[in-house]
Protein backbone atom coordinates (compact mmCIF):
# COMPACT_ATOMS: atom_id res chain seq x y z
CA MET A 1 61.63 130.34 -74.60
CA SER A 2 60.21 126.98 -75.73
CA GLN A 3 57.71 128.34 -78.03
CA GLU A 4 60.72 130.14 -80.03
CA LYS A 5 62.77 126.77 -80.01
CA SER A 6 59.53 125.57 -81.03
CA ILE A 7 58.97 128.00 -84.25
CA VAL A 8 62.88 127.76 -84.85
CA SER A 9 63.15 123.68 -85.11
CA GLU A 10 59.90 123.97 -87.33
CA ALA A 11 61.56 126.00 -89.66
CA ILE A 12 64.58 123.92 -90.63
CA THR A 13 63.74 121.68 -93.72
CA LYS A 14 66.01 118.78 -94.25
CA ILE A 15 67.01 118.01 -98.07
CA LYS A 16 66.73 114.67 -98.84
CA ASP A 17 69.31 113.61 -101.67
CA THR A 18 67.86 112.34 -104.19
CA THR A 19 70.76 112.44 -106.65
CA GLY A 20 72.21 109.57 -108.56
CA ASN A 21 75.87 108.39 -107.86
CA PRO A 22 77.94 110.19 -110.23
CA ALA A 23 80.84 107.97 -109.47
CA PRO A 24 80.51 105.34 -112.09
CA LEU A 25 80.05 107.93 -115.03
CA GLY A 26 83.42 109.74 -113.75
CA LEU A 27 85.38 105.97 -113.54
CA MET A 28 84.38 105.01 -117.21
CA GLY A 29 85.37 108.41 -118.41
CA PHE A 30 88.91 107.19 -116.84
CA GLY A 31 88.63 103.75 -117.24
CA MET A 32 87.85 103.38 -120.95
CA THR A 33 89.86 106.73 -121.97
CA THR A 34 93.03 105.24 -119.93
CA VAL A 35 92.44 101.56 -121.34
CA LEU A 36 92.75 103.06 -125.19
CA LEU A 37 95.76 104.89 -124.73
CA ASN A 38 97.64 102.74 -123.53
CA PHE A 39 96.56 100.46 -126.43
CA HIS A 40 98.99 103.19 -128.10
CA ASN A 41 101.73 102.74 -125.49
CA ALA A 42 101.81 98.87 -125.29
CA GLY A 43 101.85 99.44 -129.03
CA PHE A 44 98.48 98.27 -130.84
CA TYR A 45 98.47 101.36 -132.89
CA PRO A 46 99.13 104.74 -133.48
CA LEU A 47 98.40 108.06 -131.71
CA ASN A 48 95.49 108.87 -133.69
CA THR A 49 92.10 111.12 -133.33
CA MET A 50 90.26 108.63 -131.84
CA ILE A 51 92.30 108.65 -128.59
CA LEU A 52 92.42 112.74 -128.97
CA ALA A 53 88.57 112.78 -129.09
CA MET A 54 88.29 110.64 -126.55
CA GLY A 55 90.31 112.59 -124.04
CA ILE A 56 88.48 115.75 -124.46
CA PHE A 57 84.95 114.45 -124.43
CA TYR A 58 85.10 111.53 -122.13
CA GLY A 59 88.14 110.96 -120.30
CA GLY A 60 88.23 115.53 -119.95
CA ILE A 61 84.72 116.84 -119.76
CA ALA A 62 82.57 113.63 -118.72
CA GLN A 63 85.13 113.60 -115.89
CA ILE A 64 84.38 117.28 -114.97
CA ILE A 65 81.35 116.85 -114.78
CA ALA A 66 80.89 113.89 -112.72
CA GLY A 67 83.50 116.00 -110.20
CA VAL A 68 80.94 118.74 -109.82
CA MET A 69 78.49 116.53 -109.75
CA GLU A 70 80.07 115.18 -106.52
CA TRP A 71 80.67 118.67 -105.20
CA LYS A 72 77.17 119.59 -104.58
CA LYS A 73 76.66 116.05 -103.04
CA GLY A 74 79.91 117.40 -100.54
CA ASN A 75 82.64 114.60 -101.58
CA THR A 76 85.42 115.99 -101.62
CA PHE A 77 87.64 113.35 -102.74
CA ALA A 78 85.62 111.86 -105.45
CA THR A 79 85.44 116.40 -106.47
CA THR A 80 88.94 116.60 -106.50
CA ALA A 81 89.58 113.71 -108.08
CA PHE A 82 87.61 113.71 -110.94
CA THR A 83 87.72 117.14 -111.82
CA SER A 84 91.32 117.04 -111.42
CA TYR A 85 92.20 113.44 -113.74
CA GLY A 86 89.54 115.18 -116.00
CA ALA A 87 91.82 118.30 -116.52
CA PHE A 88 94.58 116.16 -117.08
CA TRP A 89 93.10 114.55 -120.31
CA LEU A 90 92.24 117.46 -121.49
CA LEU A 91 96.09 119.17 -121.11
CA LEU A 92 97.40 115.78 -122.52
CA VAL A 93 95.49 116.43 -125.60
CA ALA A 94 96.16 120.33 -125.26
CA LEU A 95 100.21 119.42 -125.12
CA LEU A 96 99.67 117.15 -128.77
CA LEU A 97 97.55 119.52 -130.37
CA LEU A 98 98.85 123.40 -129.58
CA PRO A 99 102.40 122.86 -130.80
CA LYS A 100 100.60 122.23 -134.21
CA MET A 101 98.23 124.94 -134.33
CA GLY A 102 100.96 126.97 -133.77
CA MET A 103 100.89 127.75 -129.85
CA GLY A 104 103.85 127.01 -128.71
CA THR A 105 106.49 124.61 -129.22
CA ALA A 106 106.48 121.19 -128.56
CA THR A 107 107.13 119.79 -125.06
CA SER A 108 110.47 117.63 -124.66
CA GLU A 109 110.54 114.40 -123.53
CA GLY A 110 112.22 116.13 -119.85
CA ALA A 111 109.75 118.63 -119.39
CA MET A 112 106.87 115.28 -120.20
CA ALA A 113 108.98 113.27 -117.28
CA ALA A 114 108.02 116.40 -114.95
CA PHE A 115 104.73 116.57 -115.92
CA PHE A 116 104.09 112.76 -115.29
CA PHE A 117 106.36 112.86 -112.05
CA MET A 118 104.00 115.31 -110.57
CA TRP A 119 100.83 113.45 -111.32
CA GLY A 120 101.96 110.31 -109.93
CA LEU A 121 103.05 112.67 -106.83
CA PHE A 122 99.51 113.75 -106.55
CA THR A 123 97.90 110.65 -107.12
CA LEU A 124 100.16 109.37 -104.58
CA TYR A 125 98.86 111.43 -101.87
CA MET A 126 95.04 110.03 -103.26
CA TYR A 127 96.09 106.91 -103.12
CA ILE A 128 96.43 107.55 -99.61
CA GLY A 129 92.99 108.91 -98.93
CA THR A 130 91.34 105.22 -100.84
CA LEU A 131 92.98 103.45 -97.85
CA LYS A 132 89.59 104.92 -95.59
CA LEU A 133 87.75 103.75 -98.95
CA ASN A 134 86.71 100.05 -100.63
CA LYS A 135 89.51 97.70 -101.89
CA ALA A 136 88.30 98.39 -105.84
CA LEU A 137 89.44 101.93 -105.92
CA GLN A 138 92.84 101.23 -103.71
CA VAL A 139 93.58 99.03 -106.78
CA VAL A 140 92.67 101.68 -109.29
CA PHE A 141 94.53 104.31 -107.71
CA GLY A 142 97.87 102.38 -106.67
CA SER A 143 98.04 101.25 -110.44
CA LEU A 144 97.86 104.71 -111.07
CA VAL A 145 100.67 105.67 -109.44
CA ILE A 146 102.44 103.10 -110.90
CA LEU A 147 101.58 104.02 -114.56
CA PHE A 148 102.65 107.65 -113.93
CA PHE A 149 106.16 107.05 -112.52
CA LEU A 150 106.39 104.58 -115.40
CA LEU A 151 105.64 107.35 -117.61
CA CYS A 152 107.63 109.15 -115.86
CA ILE A 153 110.84 107.05 -116.12
CA ARG A 154 109.98 106.06 -119.95
CA ASP A 155 110.29 110.01 -120.74
CA ALA A 156 112.96 110.86 -118.57
CA THR A 157 115.12 107.76 -120.03
CA GLY A 158 113.73 107.56 -123.46
CA SER A 159 113.20 103.62 -122.53
CA ALA A 160 110.76 101.75 -125.37
CA VAL A 161 110.67 99.33 -123.00
CA VAL A 162 109.61 101.42 -119.78
CA GLY A 163 107.20 103.00 -122.44
CA LYS A 164 105.82 99.30 -123.44
CA ILE A 165 105.57 98.51 -119.65
CA ALA A 166 103.85 101.26 -118.87
CA GLY A 167 101.42 100.59 -121.89
CA TYR A 168 100.22 97.00 -120.60
CA GLU A 169 99.93 98.20 -116.79
CA GLY A 170 97.91 101.61 -118.01
CA ILE A 171 95.77 98.45 -119.93
CA ILE A 172 95.15 96.87 -116.24
CA CYS A 173 94.87 100.16 -114.36
CA GLY A 174 92.03 101.56 -116.80
CA LEU A 175 90.19 98.12 -116.49
CA SER A 176 90.03 98.19 -112.89
CA ALA A 177 88.63 101.37 -112.92
CA ILE A 178 85.86 100.33 -115.47
CA TYR A 179 85.44 97.10 -112.82
CA ALA A 180 84.94 99.65 -110.39
CA ALA A 181 82.42 101.99 -112.36
CA MET A 182 80.23 98.74 -113.08
CA ALA A 183 79.90 97.52 -110.12
CA GLN A 184 78.39 100.43 -109.27
CA VAL A 185 75.72 100.44 -111.61
CA LEU A 186 75.18 96.70 -111.53
CA ASN A 187 74.72 96.37 -107.24
CA GLU A 188 72.80 99.37 -107.46
CA VAL A 189 70.55 98.13 -110.60
CA TYR A 190 70.12 94.86 -109.42
CA GLY A 191 69.79 96.31 -105.00
CA ARG A 192 72.51 93.59 -104.16
CA THR A 193 76.42 92.46 -104.87
CA VAL A 194 76.35 91.73 -108.33
CA LEU A 195 80.47 92.81 -108.78
CA PRO A 196 82.28 92.97 -104.99
CA LEU A 197 84.20 96.39 -104.37
CA GLY A 198 85.61 95.10 -101.38
CA PRO A 199 85.65 95.50 -97.71
CA VAL A 200 86.03 99.18 -96.66
CA THR A 201 89.20 99.39 -94.56
CA LYS A 202 88.78 100.32 -90.62
CA LYS A 203 91.45 102.40 -89.63
């Protein structure tokens, strides 16, 4: 019997994860695209192809790639976050472009309010998950919850003032994601804390 156990134990191979950390890619795709869109929401320039292209390729596709990579690492939270927000950017671009291509009618402001509300609700639940993670991610998700609900209020009320507030708040949200991404990259490259992410909350 002991010989059989020895054979079984020898047959077990431990595979070490030598892949890189995909989180900075996902955070940068989200952060940079969010900042650029909210420059528009804040009134700095009109909606243009630069924003749409960022939404498709960096905010959308790159985040989904990061989500798949996180799945490979067994990270359920990051897989859900990056894949969902990558899909969000693709959805947002599709909502803008499909009517112009003759594929359906333009989405009403009331429907867009419902769209942003559901994403705000989803993000609220994800924010609760960050309470077990570092402070930097808590800032990213907490500010994103506020952004989605501000956009919901903007479209539900038609308030330009709320829309501009959402723009500035969204810039802060995007910059916080960029910070979290660069902190992970620089801390890994230098092998020490260059940019702090904040302590992990212990509950």
